Amino acid sequence: MKALVVDDSAVMRKVLIGALSRASITDVDQAADGQEAVSAVDNAEYDLVLMDWNMPNMLGIDAVKAIRAKGKKMPIIMVTTEAEKSRVIDALKAGANNYVIKPFEPNTIVTKIQEVLAKASD
């Protein structure tokens, strides 16, 4: 399995890569903003994307919309500090498959990753 971690914080990218590793995903690319994420998805096939909301150059929600507009179907989990219910709804409408609010417990993100991947394989 191959994943893409998108976050403008290098520290958070490392945390998310660690969570992916605990979910047995070790082939991971990184992007620091939404534009990099859209380009990465154009150039590689991913089984999962973990996407931050607030980033420079292109917000995560806009990147999700752009990825979905290209017909890409891989699961996307928004991982963000944006906790308002309206943000969660907006992310799901844009095409995110799930939503995790930072800060999170390590087991929480691993469980969400496993749930989303299991649902995608149905």
PDB file of N, CA and C in Angstrom:
ATOM      1  N   MET A   1       0.835  -1.193   0.000  1.00  0.00           N
ATOM      2  CA  MET A   1       0.000   0.000   0.000  1.00  0.00           C
ATOM      3  C   MET A   1       0.870   1.244   0.000  1.00  0.00           C
ATOM      4  N   LYS A   2       0.367   2.266  -0.670  1.00  0.00           N
ATOM      5  CA  LYS A   2       1.093   3.526  -0.764  1.00  0.00           C
ATOM      6  C   LYS A   2       0.183   4.650  -0.287  1.00  0.00           C
ATOM      7  N   ALA A   3       0.747   5.551   0.542  1.00  0.00           N
ATOM      8  CA  ALA A   3      -0.023   6.658   1.094  1.00  0.00           C
ATOM      9  C   ALA A   3       0.674   7.983   0.816  1.00  0.00           C
ATOM     10  N   LEU A   4      -0.120   9.037   0.877  1.00  0.00           N
ATOM     11  CA  LEU A   4       0.379  10.402   0.767  1.00  0.00           C
ATOM     12  C   LEU A   4      -0.028  11.147   2.023  1.00  0.00           C
ATOM     13  N   VAL A   5       0.947  11.776   2.687  1.00  0.00           N
ATOM     14  CA  VAL A   5       0.696  12.592   3.870  1.00  0.00           C
ATOM     15  C   VAL A   5       0.868  14.053   3.468  1.00  0.00           C
ATOM     16  N   VAL A   6      -0.178  14.850   3.705  1.00  0.00           N
ATOM     17  CA  VAL A   6      -0.166  16.254   3.302  1.00  0.00           C
ATOM     18  C   VAL A   6      -0.385  17.129   4.531  1.00  0.00           C
ATOM     19  N   ASP A   7       0.657  17.856   4.916  1.00  0.00           N
ATOM     20  CA  ASP A   7       0.581  18.764   6.060  1.00  0.00           C
ATOM     21  C   ASP A   7       1.722  19.745   5.937  1.00  0.00           C
ATOM     22  N   ASP A   8       1.477  21.006   6.277  1.00  0.00           N
ATOM     23  CA  ASP A   8       2.542  21.995   6.189  1.00  0.00           C
ATOM     24  C   ASP A   8       3.532  21.899   7.345  1.00  0.00           C
ATOM     25  N   SER A   9       3.228  21.121   8.351  1.00  0.00           N
ATOM     26  CA  SER A   9       4.124  20.907   9.487  1.00  0.00           C
ATOM     27  C   SER A   9       4.927  19.621   9.298  1.00  0.00           C
ATOM     28  N   ALA A  10       6.245  19.760   9.236  1.00  0.00           N
ATOM     29  CA  ALA A  10       7.107  18.579   9.096  1.00  0.00           C
ATOM     30  C   ALA A  10       6.954  17.652  10.296  1.00  0.00           C
ATOM     31  N   VAL A  11       6.755  18.220  11.464  1.00  0.00           N
ATOM     32  CA  VAL A  11       6.576  17.403  12.681  1.00  0.00           C
ATOM     33  C   VAL A  11       5.295  16.575  12.567  1.00  0.00           C
ATOM     34  N   MET A  12       4.210  17.204  12.119  1.00  0.00           N
ATOM     35  CA  MET A  12       2.951  16.468  11.985  1.00  0.00           C
ATOM     36  C   MET A  12       3.062  15.408  10.903  1.00  0.00           C
ATOM     37  N   ARG A  13       3.784  15.696   9.821  1.00  0.00           N
ATOM     38  CA  ARG A  13       3.971  14.670   8.795  1.00  0.00           C
ATOM     39  C   ARG A  13       4.666  13.454   9.394  1.00  0.00           C
ATOM     40  N   LYS A  14       5.654  13.670  10.252  1.00  0.00           N
ATOM     41  CA  LYS A  14       6.345  12.546  10.897  1.00  0.00           C
ATOM     42  C   LYS A  14       5.393  11.768  11.800  1.00  0.00           C
ATOM     43  N   VAL A  15       4.545  12.473  12.535  1.00  0.00           N
ATOM     44  CA  VAL A  15       3.557  11.813  13.403  1.00  0.00           C
ATOM     45  C   VAL A  15       2.618  10.948  12.555  1.00  0.00           C
ATOM     46  N   LEU A  16       2.147  11.492  11.457  1.00  0.00           N
ATOM     47  CA  LEU A  16       1.219  10.747  10.596  1.00  0.00           C
ATOM     48  C   LEU A  16       1.905   9.575   9.906  1.00  0.00           C
ATOM     49  N   ILE A  17       3.153   9.750   9.527  1.00  0.00           N
ATOM     50  CA  ILE A  17       3.908   8.633   8.945  1.00  0.00           C
ATOM     51  C   ILE A  17       4.063   7.519   9.976  1.00  0.00           C
ATOM     52  N   GLY A  18       4.281   7.884  11.234  1.00  0.00           N
ATOM     53  CA  GLY A  18       4.350   6.886  12.304  1.00  0.00           C
ATOM     54  C   GLY A  18       3.038   6.144  12.461  1.00  0.00           C
ATOM     55  N   ALA A  19       1.918   6.868  12.362  1.00  0.00           N
ATOM     56  CA  ALA A  19       0.595   6.228  12.459  1.00  0.00           C
ATOM     57  C   ALA A  19       0.384   5.274  11.288  1.00  0.00           C
ATOM     58  N   LEU A  20       0.785   5.692  10.101  1.00  0.00           N
ATOM     59  CA  LEU A  20       0.668   4.804   8.944  1.00  0.00           C
ATOM     60  C   LEU A  20       1.506   3.549   9.124  1.00  0.00           C
ATOM     61  N   SER A  21       2.683   3.713   9.676  1.00  0.00           N
ATOM     62  CA  SER A  21       3.557   2.568   9.933  1.00  0.00           C
ATOM     63  C   SER A  21       2.884   1.584  10.886  1.00  0.00           C
ATOM     64  N   ARG A  22       2.218   2.104  11.922  1.00  0.00           N
ATOM     65  CA  ARG A  22       1.502   1.237  12.870  1.00  0.00           C
ATOM     66  C   ARG A  22       0.318   0.549  12.188  1.00  0.00           C
ATOM     67  N   ALA A  23      -0.144   1.113  11.089  1.00  0.00           N
ATOM     68  CA  ALA A  23      -1.223   0.494  10.313  1.00  0.00           C
ATOM     69  C   ALA A  23      -0.651  -0.339   9.160  1.00  0.00           C
ATOM     70  N   SER A  24       0.663  -0.620   9.221  1.00  0.00           N
ATOM     71  CA  SER A  24       1.366  -1.452   8.237  1.00  0.00           C
ATOM     72  C   SER A  24       1.483  -0.822   6.856  1.00  0.00           C
ATOM     73  N   ILE A  25       1.520   0.508   6.803  1.00  0.00           N
ATOM     74  CA  ILE A  25       1.742   1.218   5.548  1.00  0.00           C
ATOM     75  C   ILE A  25       3.076   1.951   5.671  1.00  0.00           C
ATOM     76  N   THR A  26       4.056   1.507   4.897  1.00  0.00           N
ATOM     77  CA  THR A  26       5.394   2.097   5.012  1.00  0.00           C
ATOM     78  C   THR A  26       5.852   2.796   3.739  1.00  0.00           C
ATOM     79  N   ASP A  27       5.113   2.659   2.645  1.00  0.00           N
ATOM     80  CA  ASP A  27       5.445   3.355   1.402  1.00  0.00           C
ATOM     81  C   ASP A  27       4.665   4.669   1.413  1.00  0.00           C
ATOM     82  N   VAL A  28       5.339   5.753   1.826  1.00  0.00           N
ATOM     83  CA  VAL A  28       4.649   7.015   2.069  1.00  0.00           C
ATOM     84  C   VAL A  28       5.381   8.165   1.374  1.00  0.00           C
ATOM     85  N   ASP A  29       4.627   8.948   0.613  1.00  0.00           N
ATOM     86  CA  ASP A  29       5.125  10.203   0.052  1.00  0.00           C
ATOM     87  C   ASP A  29       4.596  11.345   0.910  1.00  0.00           C
ATOM     88  N   GLN A  30       5.238  12.509   0.780  1.00  0.00           N
ATOM     89  CA  GLN A  30       4.848  13.667   1.565  1.00  0.00           C
ATOM     90  C   GLN A  30       4.621  14.883   0.678  1.00  0.00           C
ATOM     91  N   ALA A  31       3.702  15.749   1.110  1.00  0.00           N
ATOM     92  CA  ALA A  31       3.466  17.035   0.469  1.00  0.00           C
ATOM     93  C   ALA A  31       3.240  18.064   1.570  1.00  0.00           C
ATOM     94  N   ALA A  32       3.685  19.302   1.319  1.00  0.00           N
ATOM     95  CA  ALA A  32       3.598  20.348   2.332  1.00  0.00           C
ATOM     96  C   ALA A  32       2.415  21.296   2.128  1.00  0.00           C
ATOM     97  N   ASP A  33       1.688  21.138   1.034  1.00  0.00           N
ATOM     98  CA  ASP A  33       0.499  21.962   0.822  1.00  0.00           C
ATOM     99  C   ASP A  33      -0.418  21.289  -0.191  1.00  0.00           C
ATOM    100  N   GLY A  34      -1.587  21.897  -0.378  1.00  0.00           N
ATOM    101  CA  GLY A  34      -2.584  21.306  -1.269  1.00  0.00           C
ATOM    102  C   GLY A  34      -2.137  21.205  -2.714  1.00  0.00           C
ATOM    103  N   GLN A  35      -1.415  22.215  -3.204  1.00  0.00           N
ATOM    104  CA  GLN A  35      -0.934  22.165  -4.583  1.00  0.00           C
ATOM    105  C   GLN A  35       0.017  20.994  -4.789  1.00  0.00           C
ATOM    106  N   GLU A  36       0.928  20.790  -3.833  1.00  0.00           N
ATOM    107  CA  GLU A  36       1.844  19.646  -3.924  1.00  0.00           C
ATOM    108  C   GLU A  36       1.066  18.342  -3.900  1.00  0.00           C
ATOM    109  N   ALA A  37       0.000  18.288  -3.115  1.00  0.00           N
ATOM    110  CA  ALA A  37      -0.811  17.074  -3.026  1.00  0.00           C
ATOM    111  C   ALA A  37      -1.469  16.759  -4.359  1.00  0.00           C
ATOM    112  N   VAL A  38      -2.056  17.757  -4.992  1.00  0.00           N
ATOM    113  CA  VAL A  38      -2.718  17.548  -6.282  1.00  0.00           C
ATOM    114  C   VAL A  38      -1.696  17.078  -7.318  1.00  0.00           C
ATOM    115  N   SER A  39      -0.523  17.692  -7.322  1.00  0.00           N
ATOM    116  CA  SER A  39       0.534  17.265  -8.258  1.00  0.00           C
ATOM    117  C   SER A  39       0.974  15.837  -7.974  1.00  0.00           C
ATOM    118  N   ALA A  40       1.130  15.505  -6.694  1.00  0.00           N
ATOM    119  CA  ALA A  40       1.558  14.152  -6.322  1.00  0.00           C
ATOM    120  C   ALA A  40       0.547  13.115  -6.807  1.00  0.00           C
ATOM    121  N   VAL A  41      -0.740  13.418  -6.635  1.00  0.00           N
ATOM    122  CA  VAL A  41      -1.790  12.490  -7.049  1.00  0.00           C
ATOM    123  C   VAL A  41      -1.805  12.340  -8.576  1.00  0.00           C
ATOM    124  N   ASP A  42      -1.416  13.388  -9.278  1.00  0.00           N
ATOM    125  CA  ASP A  42      -1.312  13.299 -10.740  1.00  0.00           C
ATOM    126  C   ASP A  42      -0.183  12.368 -11.169  1.00  0.00           C
ATOM    127  N   ASN A  43       0.848  12.254 -10.342  1.00  0.00           N
ATOM    128  CA  ASN A  43       2.064  11.539 -10.733  1.00  0.00           C
ATOM    129  C   ASN A  43       2.249  10.175 -10.087  1.00  0.00           C
ATOM    130  N   ALA A  44       1.342   9.776  -9.197  1.00  0.00           N
ATOM    131  CA  ALA A  44       1.470   8.476  -8.528  1.00  0.00           C
ATOM    132  C   ALA A  44       0.087   7.974  -8.139  1.00  0.00           C
ATOM    133  N   GLU A  45       0.004   6.677  -7.921  1.00  0.00           N
ATOM    134  CA  GLU A  45      -1.238   6.062  -7.458  1.00  0.00           C
ATOM    135  C   GLU A  45      -1.134   5.848  -5.949  1.00  0.00           C
ATOM    136  N   TYR A  46      -2.113   6.315  -5.220  1.00  0.00           N
ATOM    137  CA  TYR A  46      -2.128   6.171  -3.763  1.00  0.00           C
ATOM    138  C   TYR A  46      -3.340   5.358  -3.332  1.00  0.00           C
ATOM    139  N   ASP A  47      -3.143   4.612  -2.252  1.00  0.00           N
ATOM    140  CA  ASP A  47      -4.228   3.853  -1.649  1.00  0.00           C
ATOM    141  C   ASP A  47      -4.929   4.656  -0.558  1.00  0.00           C
ATOM    142  N   LEU A  48      -4.270   5.742  -0.105  1.00  0.00           N
ATOM    143  CA  LEU A  48      -4.791   6.553   0.989  1.00  0.00           C
ATOM    144  C   LEU A  48      -4.090   7.899   0.986  1.00  0.00           C
ATOM    145  N   VAL A  49      -4.859   8.949   1.336  1.00  0.00           N
ATOM    146  CA  VAL A  49      -4.288  10.286   1.523  1.00  0.00           C
ATOM    147  C   VAL A  49      -4.731  10.792   2.889  1.00  0.00           C
ATOM    148  N   LEU A  50      -3.779  11.293   3.672  1.00  0.00           N
ATOM    149  CA  LEU A  50      -4.067  11.991   4.923  1.00  0.00           C
ATOM    150  C   LEU A  50      -3.834  13.471   4.649  1.00  0.00           C
ATOM    151  N   MET A  51      -4.865  14.303   4.803  1.00  0.00           N
ATOM    152  CA  MET A  51      -4.835  15.694   4.343  1.00  0.00           C
ATOM    153  C   MET A  51      -5.161  16.674   5.457  1.00  0.00           C
ATOM    154  N   ASP A  52      -4.253  17.620   5.698  1.00  0.00           N
ATOM    155  CA  ASP A  52      -4.517  18.730   6.608  1.00  0.00           C
ATOM    156  C   ASP A  52      -5.460  19.719   5.925  1.00  0.00           C
ATOM    157  N   TRP A  53      -6.139  20.546   6.702  1.00  0.00           N
ATOM    158  CA  TRP A  53      -7.053  21.548   6.145  1.00  0.00           C
ATOM    159  C   TRP A  53      -6.314  22.851   5.873  1.00  0.00           C
ATOM    160  N   ASN A  54      -5.692  23.415   6.906  1.00  0.00           N
ATOM    161  CA  ASN A  54      -5.067  24.733   6.800  1.00  0.00           C
ATOM    162  C   ASN A  54      -3.619  24.622   6.360  1.00  0.00           C
ATOM    163  N   MET A  55      -3.369  25.015   5.106  1.00  0.00           N
ATOM    164  CA  MET A  55      -2.017  24.983   4.554  1.00  0.00           C
ATOM    165  C   MET A  55      -1.850  26.162   3.609  1.00  0.00           C
ATOM    166  N   PRO A  56      -0.622  26.580   3.377  1.00  0.00           N
ATOM    167  CA  PRO A  56      -0.396  27.657   2.413  1.00  0.00           C
ATOM    168  C   PRO A  56      -0.645  27.171   0.984  1.00  0.00           C
ATOM    169  N   ASN A  57      -0.780  28.104   0.073  1.00  0.00           N
ATOM    170  CA  ASN A  57      -0.919  27.864  -1.368  1.00  0.00           C
ATOM    171  C   ASN A  57      -2.253  27.258  -1.777  1.00  0.00           C
ATOM    172  N   MET A  58      -2.716  26.234  -1.087  1.00  0.00           N
ATOM    173  CA  MET A  58      -4.033  25.647  -1.382  1.00  0.00           C
ATOM    174  C   MET A  58      -4.513  24.921  -0.132  1.00  0.00           C
ATOM    175  N   LEU A  59      -5.699  25.273   0.325  1.00  0.00           N
ATOM    176  CA  LEU A  59      -6.271  24.605   1.491  1.00  0.00           C
ATOM    177  C   LEU A  59      -6.512  23.128   1.194  1.00  0.00           C
ATOM    178  N   GLY A  60      -6.493  22.325   2.243  1.00  0.00           N
ATOM    179  CA  GLY A  60      -6.734  20.895   2.088  1.00  0.00           C
ATOM    180  C   GLY A  60      -8.095  20.595   1.481  1.00  0.00           C
ATOM    181  N   ILE A  61      -9.114  21.333   1.881  1.00  0.00           N
ATOM    182  CA  ILE A  61     -10.447  21.082   1.321  1.00  0.00           C
ATOM    183  C   ILE A  61     -10.469  21.334  -0.177  1.00  0.00           C
ATOM    184  N   ASP A  62      -9.744  22.359  -0.626  1.00  0.00           N
ATOM    185  CA  ASP A  62      -9.678  22.642  -2.062  1.00  0.00           C
ATOM    186  C   ASP A  62      -8.883  21.561  -2.790  1.00  0.00           C
ATOM    187  N   ALA A  63      -7.865  21.037  -2.127  1.00  0.00           N
ATOM    188  CA  ALA A  63      -7.095  19.936  -2.713  1.00  0.00           C
ATOM    189  C   ALA A  63      -7.972  18.686  -2.844  1.00  0.00           C
ATOM    190  N   VAL A  64      -8.791  18.414  -1.831  1.00  0.00           N
ATOM    191  CA  VAL A  64      -9.706  17.266  -1.906  1.00  0.00           C
ATOM    192  C   VAL A  64     -10.642  17.437  -3.095  1.00  0.00           C
ATOM    193  N   LYS A  65     -11.212  18.627  -3.241  1.00  0.00           N
ATOM    194  CA  LYS A  65     -12.120  18.886  -4.369  1.00  0.00           C
ATOM    195  C   LYS A  65     -11.402  18.689  -5.704  1.00  0.00           C
ATOM    196  N   ALA A  66     -10.169  19.184  -5.800  1.00  0.00           N
ATOM    197  CA  ALA A  66      -9.405  19.058  -7.051  1.00  0.00           C
ATOM    198  C   ALA A  66      -9.078  17.599  -7.349  1.00  0.00           C
ATOM    199  N   ILE A  67      -8.728  16.850  -6.316  1.00  0.00           N
ATOM    200  CA  ILE A  67      -8.418  15.426  -6.495  1.00  0.00           C
ATOM    201  C   ILE A  67      -9.661  14.673  -6.955  1.00  0.00           C
ATOM    202  N   ARG A  68     -10.784  14.953  -6.331  1.00  0.00           N
ATOM    203  CA  ARG A  68     -12.034  14.278  -6.722  1.00  0.00           C
ATOM    204  C   ARG A  68     -12.464  14.698  -8.128  1.00  0.00           C
ATOM    205  N   ALA A  69     -12.229  15.964  -8.496  1.00  0.00           N
ATOM    206  CA  ALA A  69     -12.597  16.439  -9.832  1.00  0.00           C
ATOM    207  C   ALA A  69     -11.803  15.707 -10.914  1.00  0.00           C
ATOM    208  N   LYS A  70     -10.638  15.205 -10.555  1.00  0.00           N
ATOM    209  CA  LYS A  70      -9.816  14.439 -11.497  1.00  0.00           C
ATOM    210  C   LYS A  70     -10.273  12.977 -11.587  1.00  0.00           C
ATOM    211  N   GLY A  71     -11.285  12.624 -10.805  1.00  0.00           N
ATOM    212  CA  GLY A  71     -11.808  11.266 -10.832  1.00  0.00           C
ATOM    213  C   GLY A  71     -11.051  10.286  -9.950  1.00  0.00           C
ATOM    214  N   LYS A  72     -10.192  10.796  -9.096  1.00  0.00           N
ATOM    215  CA  LYS A  72      -9.413   9.928  -8.199  1.00  0.00           C
ATOM    216  C   LYS A  72     -10.309   9.453  -7.067  1.00  0.00           C
ATOM    217  N   LYS A  73     -10.278   8.149  -6.803  1.00  0.00           N
ATOM    218  CA  LYS A  73     -11.211   7.546  -5.848  1.00  0.00           C
ATOM    219  C   LYS A  73     -10.576   7.091  -4.539  1.00  0.00           C
ATOM    220  N   MET A  74      -9.249   7.251  -4.375  1.00  0.00           N
ATOM    221  CA  MET A  74      -8.615   6.748  -3.161  1.00  0.00           C
ATOM    222  C   MET A  74      -9.216   7.406  -1.919  1.00  0.00           C
ATOM    223  N   PRO A  75      -9.239   6.678  -0.794  1.00  0.00           N
ATOM    224  CA  PRO A  75      -9.758   7.260   0.435  1.00  0.00           C
ATOM    225  C   PRO A  75      -8.906   8.454   0.879  1.00  0.00           C
ATOM    226  N   ILE A  76      -9.580   9.484   1.380  1.00  0.00           N
ATOM    227  CA  ILE A  76      -8.921  10.667   1.916  1.00  0.00           C
ATOM    228  C   ILE A  76      -9.462  10.910   3.313  1.00  0.00           C
ATOM    229  N   ILE A  77      -8.542  11.050   4.260  1.00  0.00           N
ATOM    230  CA  ILE A  77      -8.913  11.385   5.635  1.00  0.00           C
ATOM    231  C   ILE A  77      -8.402  12.795   5.922  1.00  0.00           C
ATOM    232  N   MET A  78      -9.307  13.697   6.294  1.00  0.00           N
ATOM    233  CA  MET A  78      -8.898  15.025   6.734  1.00  0.00           C
ATOM    234  C   MET A  78      -8.384  14.891   8.166  1.00  0.00           C
ATOM    235  N   VAL A  79      -7.222  15.453   8.417  1.00  0.00           N
ATOM    236  CA  VAL A  79      -6.602  15.409   9.747  1.00  0.00           C
ATOM    237  C   VAL A  79      -6.288  16.855  10.098  1.00  0.00           C
ATOM    238  N   THR A  80      -7.099  17.457  10.966  1.00  0.00           N
ATOM    239  CA  THR A  80      -7.033  18.902  11.140  1.00  0.00           C
ATOM    240  C   THR A  80      -7.482  19.359  12.516  1.00  0.00           C
ATOM    241  N   THR A  81      -7.152  20.596  12.837  1.00  0.00           N
ATOM    242  CA  THR A  81      -7.609  21.201  14.087  1.00  0.00           C
ATOM    243  C   THR A  81      -9.008  21.795  13.935  1.00  0.00           C
ATOM    244  N   GLU A  82      -9.528  21.821  12.720  1.00  0.00           N
ATOM    245  CA  GLU A  82     -10.849  22.393  12.441  1.00  0.00           C
ATOM    246  C   GLU A  82     -11.934  21.468  12.991  1.00  0.00           C
ATOM    247  N   ALA A  83     -12.473  21.811  14.160  1.00  0.00           N
ATOM    248  CA  ALA A  83     -13.387  20.904  14.849  1.00  0.00           C
ATOM    249  C   ALA A  83     -14.873  21.251  14.674  1.00  0.00           C
ATOM    250  N   GLU A  84     -15.174  22.373  14.025  1.00  0.00           N
ATOM    251  CA  GLU A  84     -16.570  22.766  13.885  1.00  0.00           C
ATOM    252  C   GLU A  84     -17.331  21.749  13.029  1.00  0.00           C
ATOM    253  N   LYS A  85     -18.557  21.477  13.445  1.00  0.00           N
ATOM    254  CA  LYS A  85     -19.379  20.495  12.724  1.00  0.00           C
ATOM    255  C   LYS A  85     -19.531  20.870  11.255  1.00  0.00           C
ATOM    256  N   SER A  86     -19.664  22.164  10.966  1.00  0.00           N
ATOM    257  CA  SER A  86     -19.831  22.593   9.573  1.00  0.00           C
ATOM    258  C   SER A  86     -18.593  22.252   8.744  1.00  0.00           C
ATOM    259  N   ARG A  87     -17.417  22.305   9.349  1.00  0.00           N
ATOM    260  CA  ARG A  87     -16.178  21.947   8.632  1.00  0.00           C
ATOM    261  C   ARG A  87     -16.153  20.455   8.310  1.00  0.00           C
ATOM    262  N   VAL A  88     -16.584  19.653   9.270  1.00  0.00           N
ATOM    263  CA  VAL A  88     -16.641  18.208   9.048  1.00  0.00           C
ATOM    264  C   VAL A  88     -17.585  17.913   7.886  1.00  0.00           C
ATOM    265  N   ILE A  89     -18.750  18.520   7.908  1.00  0.00           N
ATOM    266  CA  ILE A  89     -19.737  18.317   6.843  1.00  0.00           C
ATOM    267  C   ILE A  89     -19.177  18.779   5.504  1.00  0.00           C
ATOM    268  N   ASP A  90     -18.521  19.944   5.485  1.00  0.00           N
ATOM    269  CA  ASP A  90     -17.933  20.458   4.247  1.00  0.00           C
ATOM    270  C   ASP A  90     -16.886  19.490   3.690  1.00  0.00           C
ATOM    271  N   ALA A  91     -16.052  18.948   4.574  1.00  0.00           N
ATOM    272  CA  ALA A  91     -15.003  18.020   4.135  1.00  0.00           C
ATOM    273  C   ALA A  91     -15.611  16.754   3.540  1.00  0.00           C
ATOM    274  N   LEU A  92     -16.631  16.228   4.183  1.00  0.00           N
ATOM    275  CA  LEU A  92     -17.276  15.015   3.682  1.00  0.00           C
ATOM    276  C   LEU A  92     -17.979  15.287   2.353  1.00  0.00           C
ATOM    277  N   LYS A  93     -18.626  16.441   2.224  1.00  0.00           N
ATOM    278  CA  LYS A  93     -19.268  16.808   0.955  1.00  0.00           C
ATOM    279  C   LYS A  93     -18.237  16.979  -0.155  1.00  0.00           C
ATOM    280  N   ALA A  94     -17.053  17.462   0.205  1.00  0.00           N
ATOM    281  CA  ALA A  94     -15.992  17.677  -0.794  1.00  0.00           C
ATOM    282  C   ALA A  94     -15.400  16.364  -1.287  1.00  0.00           C
ATOM    283  N   GLY A  95     -15.597  15.298  -0.503  1.00  0.00           N
ATOM    284  CA  GLY A  95     -15.090  14.000  -0.931  1.00  0.00           C
ATOM    285  C   GLY A  95     -14.185  13.302   0.049  1.00  0.00           C
ATOM    286  N   ALA A  96     -13.969  13.891   1.224  1.00  0.00           N
ATOM    287  CA  ALA A  96     -13.191  13.192   2.250  1.00  0.00           C
ATOM    288  C   ALA A  96     -14.010  11.993   2.750  1.00  0.00           C
ATOM    289  N   ASN A  97     -13.313  10.922   3.090  1.00  0.00           N
ATOM    290  CA  ASN A  97     -13.987   9.720   3.578  1.00  0.00           C
ATOM    291  C   ASN A  97     -14.133   9.691   5.089  1.00  0.00           C
ATOM    292  N   ASN A  98     -13.294  10.472   5.772  1.00  0.00           N
ATOM    293  CA  ASN A  98     -13.371  10.531   7.225  1.00  0.00           C
ATOM    294  C   ASN A  98     -12.659  11.789   7.687  1.00  0.00           C
ATOM    295  N   TYR A  99     -12.703  12.039   8.997  1.00  0.00           N
ATOM    296  CA  TYR A  99     -12.240  13.295   9.554  1.00  0.00           C
ATOM    297  C   TYR A  99     -11.667  13.005  10.931  1.00  0.00           C
ATOM    298  N   VAL A 100     -10.439  13.432  11.190  1.00  0.00           N
ATOM    299  CA  VAL A 100      -9.808  13.252  12.495  1.00  0.00           C
ATOM    300  C   VAL A 100      -9.348  14.614  12.985  1.00  0.00           C
ATOM    301  N   ILE A 101      -9.699  14.929  14.220  1.00  0.00           N
ATOM    302  CA  ILE A 101      -9.368  16.237  14.791  1.00  0.00           C
ATOM    303  C   ILE A 101      -8.070  16.142  15.602  1.00  0.00           C
ATOM    304  N   LYS A 102      -7.144  17.068  15.304  1.00  0.00           N
ATOM    305  CA  LYS A 102      -5.898  17.184  16.057  1.00  0.00           C
ATOM    306  C   LYS A 102      -6.180  17.995  17.312  1.00  0.00           C
ATOM    307  N   PRO A 103      -5.525  17.732  18.415  1.00  0.00           N
ATOM    308  CA  PRO A 103      -4.631  16.589  18.627  1.00  0.00           C
ATOM    309  C   PRO A 103      -5.453  15.322  18.797  1.00  0.00           C
ATOM    310  N   PHE A 104      -4.860  14.210  18.452  1.00  0.00           N
ATOM    311  CA  PHE A 104      -5.559  12.932  18.525  1.00  0.00           C
ATOM    312  C   PHE A 104      -4.677  11.928  19.262  1.00  0.00           C
ATOM    313  N   GLU A 105      -5.318  10.916  19.795  1.00  0.00           N
ATOM    314  CA  GLU A 105      -4.590   9.811  20.410  1.00  0.00           C
ATOM    315  C   GLU A 105      -4.024   8.946  19.292  1.00  0.00           C
ATOM    316  N   PRO A 106      -2.822   8.431  19.440  1.00  0.00           N
ATOM    317  CA  PRO A 106      -2.224   7.613  18.369  1.00  0.00           C
ATOM    318  C   PRO A 106      -3.119   6.476  17.896  1.00  0.00           C
ATOM    319  N   ASN A 107      -3.788   5.806  18.801  1.00  0.00           N
ATOM    320  CA  ASN A 107      -4.652   4.696  18.401  1.00  0.00           C
ATOM    321  C   ASN A 107      -5.859   5.165  17.595  1.00  0.00           C
ATOM    322  N   THR A 108      -6.313   6.387  17.826  1.00  0.00           N
ATOM    323  CA  THR A 108      -7.468   6.924  17.117  1.00  0.00           C
ATOM    324  C   THR A 108      -7.191   7.009  15.627  1.00  0.00           C
ATOM    325  N   ILE A 109      -6.067   7.580  15.259  1.00  0.00           N
ATOM    326  CA  ILE A 109      -5.757   7.741  13.831  1.00  0.00           C
ATOM    327  C   ILE A 109      -5.507   6.388  13.174  1.00  0.00           C
ATOM    328  N   VAL A 110      -4.854   5.482  13.886  1.00  0.00           N
ATOM    329  CA  VAL A 110      -4.609   4.144  13.325  1.00  0.00           C
ATOM    330  C   VAL A 110      -5.937   3.443  13.070  1.00  0.00           C
ATOM    331  N   THR A 111      -6.862   3.534  14.013  1.00  0.00           N
ATOM    332  CA  THR A 111      -8.181   2.917  13.848  1.00  0.00           C
ATOM    333  C   THR A 111      -8.923   3.522  12.666  1.00  0.00           C
ATOM    334  N   LYS A 112      -8.889   4.853  12.530  1.00  0.00           N
ATOM    335  CA  LYS A 112      -9.564   5.508  11.399  1.00  0.00           C
ATOM    336  C   LYS A 112      -8.966   5.061  10.074  1.00  0.00           C
ATOM    337  N   ILE A 113      -7.636   4.966  10.012  1.00  0.00           N
ATOM    338  CA  ILE A 113      -6.967   4.502   8.790  1.00  0.00           C
ATOM    339  C   ILE A 113      -7.455   3.104   8.438  1.00  0.00           C
ATOM    340  N   GLN A 114      -7.458   2.213   9.417  1.00  0.00           N
ATOM    341  CA  GLN A 114      -7.878   0.830   9.170  1.00  0.00           C
ATOM    342  C   GLN A 114      -9.337   0.761   8.742  1.00  0.00           C
ATOM    343  N   GLU A 115     -10.204   1.558   9.382  1.00  0.00           N
ATOM    344  CA  GLU A 115     -11.625   1.569   9.029  1.00  0.00           C
ATOM    345  C   GLU A 115     -11.842   2.049   7.593  1.00  0.00           C
ATOM    346  N   VAL A 116     -11.184   3.130   7.232  1.00  0.00           N
ATOM    347  CA  VAL A 116     -11.356   3.689   5.893  1.00  0.00           C
ATOM    348  C   VAL A 116     -10.837   2.717   4.826  1.00  0.00           C
ATOM    349  N   LEU A 117      -9.695   2.113   5.090  1.00  0.00           N
ATOM    350  CA  LEU A 117      -9.152   1.162   4.120  1.00  0.00           C
ATOM    351  C   LEU A 117     -10.021  -0.089   4.002  1.00  0.00           C
ATOM    352  N   ALA A 118     -10.578  -0.561   5.117  1.00  0.00           N
ATOM    353  CA  ALA A 118     -11.465  -1.725   5.076  1.00  0.00           C
ATOM    354  C   ALA A 118     -12.718  -1.415   4.277  1.00  0.00           C
ATOM    355  N   LYS A 119     -13.275  -0.230   4.487  1.00  0.00           N
ATOM    356  CA  LYS A 119     -14.473   0.173   3.761  1.00  0.00           C
ATOM    357  C   LYS A 119     -14.183   0.336   2.269  1.00  0.00           C
ATOM    358  N   ALA A 120     -12.999   0.843   1.931  1.00  0.00           N
ATOM    359  CA  ALA A 120     -12.616   1.040   0.532  1.00  0.00           C
ATOM    360  C   ALA A 120     -12.456  -0.275  -0.197  1.00  0.00           C
ATOM    361  N   SER A 121     -12.088  -1.324   0.538  1.00  0.00           N
ATOM    362  CA  SER A 121     -11.865  -2.616  -0.111  1.00  0.00           C
ATOM    363  C   SER A 121     -13.149  -3.434  -0.263  1.00  0.00           C
ATOM    364  N   ASP A 122     -14.242  -2.943   0.322  1.00  0.00           N
ATOM    365  CA  ASP A 122     -15.539  -3.643   0.190  1.00  0.00           C
ATOM    366  C   ASP A 122     -16.049  -3.585  -1.224  1.00  0.00           C
TER     367      ASP A 122
END
